[in-house]
Amino acid sequence: MPKLTAAQIKKALASLPGWKRKDASITRLYEFKDFVRAMKFVNDAAKIAEQANHHPDIDIRWNKVKLTLSTHDEGGLTEKDTALARRFNSLA
């Protein structure tokens, strides 16, 4: 799968509320009412990631979950990342 161009990334991010580009990845911080809800989101996100065979970096801080996506095999962002980001947004 080819890497996205800068223009394609900009267009994709316009339709992905909360996601920001950081170098060769995109990242989003989700905030929940409490730890239990944050962990439910992480577990649901893990199931989606496993189905897609594309796994985010996950940082958990009590009620905050930060997801980072990049297609390491391609050395940057691909449609796999933006598609998964859309699915994660639908969970939150």
Protein backbone atom coordinates (compact mmCIF):
# COMPACT_ATOMS: atom_id res chain seq x y z
CA MET A 1 0.00 0.00 0.00
CA PRO A 2 1.57 3.32 -1.03
CA LYS A 3 2.29 6.16 1.37
CA LEU A 4 -0.10 9.08 1.29
CA THR A 5 1.11 12.39 -0.09
CA ALA A 6 1.10 15.52 2.07
CA ALA A 7 -2.05 16.71 0.26
CA GLN A 8 -3.80 13.37 0.82
CA ILE A 9 -2.90 13.43 4.52
CA LYS A 10 -4.20 16.98 4.90
CA LYS A 11 -7.48 16.03 3.19
CA ALA A 12 -7.87 12.89 5.32
CA LEU A 13 -7.21 14.77 8.57
CA ALA A 14 -9.93 17.29 7.67
CA SER A 15 -12.43 14.43 8.00
CA LEU A 16 -10.86 12.92 11.15
CA PRO A 17 -11.83 15.11 14.12
CA GLY A 18 -9.19 15.15 16.86
CA TRP A 19 -6.41 13.50 14.84
CA LYS A 20 -3.18 15.37 14.24
CA ARG A 21 -0.13 14.64 12.18
CA LYS A 22 3.14 14.14 13.99
CA ASP A 23 6.06 13.34 11.70
CA ALA A 24 5.26 10.03 9.95
CA SER A 25 2.23 9.23 12.11
CA ILE A 26 -1.16 10.51 13.19
CA THR A 27 -2.23 10.71 16.81
CA ARG A 28 -5.32 11.43 18.86
CA LEU A 29 -6.00 11.80 22.57
CA TYR A 30 -9.37 10.49 23.75
CA GLU A 31 -10.70 11.44 27.19
CA PHE A 32 -13.30 9.42 29.09
CA LYS A 33 -15.33 9.79 32.29
CA ASP A 34 -13.21 7.29 34.19
CA PHE A 35 -10.62 4.52 33.96
CA VAL A 36 -13.16 1.76 33.34
CA ARG A 37 -14.57 3.53 30.28
CA ALA A 38 -11.09 4.27 29.00
CA MET A 39 -10.19 0.59 29.29
CA LYS A 40 -13.40 -0.48 27.54
CA PHE A 41 -12.44 1.79 24.64
CA VAL A 42 -8.93 0.27 24.56
CA ASN A 43 -10.30 -3.26 24.52
CA ASP A 44 -12.80 -2.43 21.76
CA ALA A 45 -10.07 -0.65 19.78
CA ALA A 46 -7.82 -3.71 20.17
CA LYS A 47 -10.49 -5.94 18.63
CA ILE A 48 -10.86 -3.62 15.65
CA ALA A 49 -7.09 -3.35 15.24
CA GLU A 50 -6.70 -7.12 15.36
CA GLN A 51 -9.40 -7.57 12.71
CA ALA A 52 -7.62 -5.04 10.50
CA ASN A 53 -4.21 -6.55 11.27
CA HIS A 54 -2.99 -3.01 11.89
CA HIS A 55 -2.10 -2.05 15.44
CA PRO A 56 -1.77 1.40 17.02
CA ASP A 57 0.64 2.47 19.71
CA ILE A 58 -1.48 2.96 22.82
CA ASP A 59 -0.71 5.14 25.85
CA ILE A 60 -3.15 4.93 28.77
CA ARG A 61 -3.30 7.54 31.55
CA TRP A 62 -6.23 6.93 33.90
CA ASN A 63 -9.11 8.40 31.83
CA LYS A 64 -7.04 9.37 28.77
CA VAL A 65 -6.05 7.15 25.87
CA LYS A 66 -3.61 8.29 23.20
CA LEU A 67 -3.52 6.36 19.94
CA THR A 68 -0.76 6.70 17.37
CA LEU A 69 -0.98 5.21 13.90
CA SER A 70 1.65 4.72 11.20
CA THR A 71 2.29 2.05 8.60
CA HIS A 72 5.81 1.12 9.62
CA ASP A 73 6.32 -1.23 6.67
CA GLU A 74 5.75 1.71 4.32
CA GLY A 75 7.67 4.23 6.41
CA GLY A 76 4.75 6.62 6.82
CA LEU A 77 1.02 7.08 6.57
CA THR A 78 -1.23 5.02 4.33
CA GLU A 79 -4.95 4.54 3.84
CA LYS A 80 -4.72 1.77 6.47
CA ASP A 81 -4.02 4.44 9.09
CA THR A 82 -6.81 6.81 8.12
CA ALA A 83 -9.33 3.98 7.79
CA LEU A 84 -8.47 2.69 11.25
CA ALA A 85 -8.61 6.21 12.71
CA ARG A 86 -12.18 6.54 11.36
CA ARG A 87 -13.15 3.28 13.05
CA PHE A 88 -11.62 4.38 16.36
CA ASN A 89 -13.51 7.67 16.20
CA SER A 90 -16.75 5.73 15.78
CA LEU A 91 -16.04 3.93 19.07
CA ALA A 92 -15.55 7.10 21.10
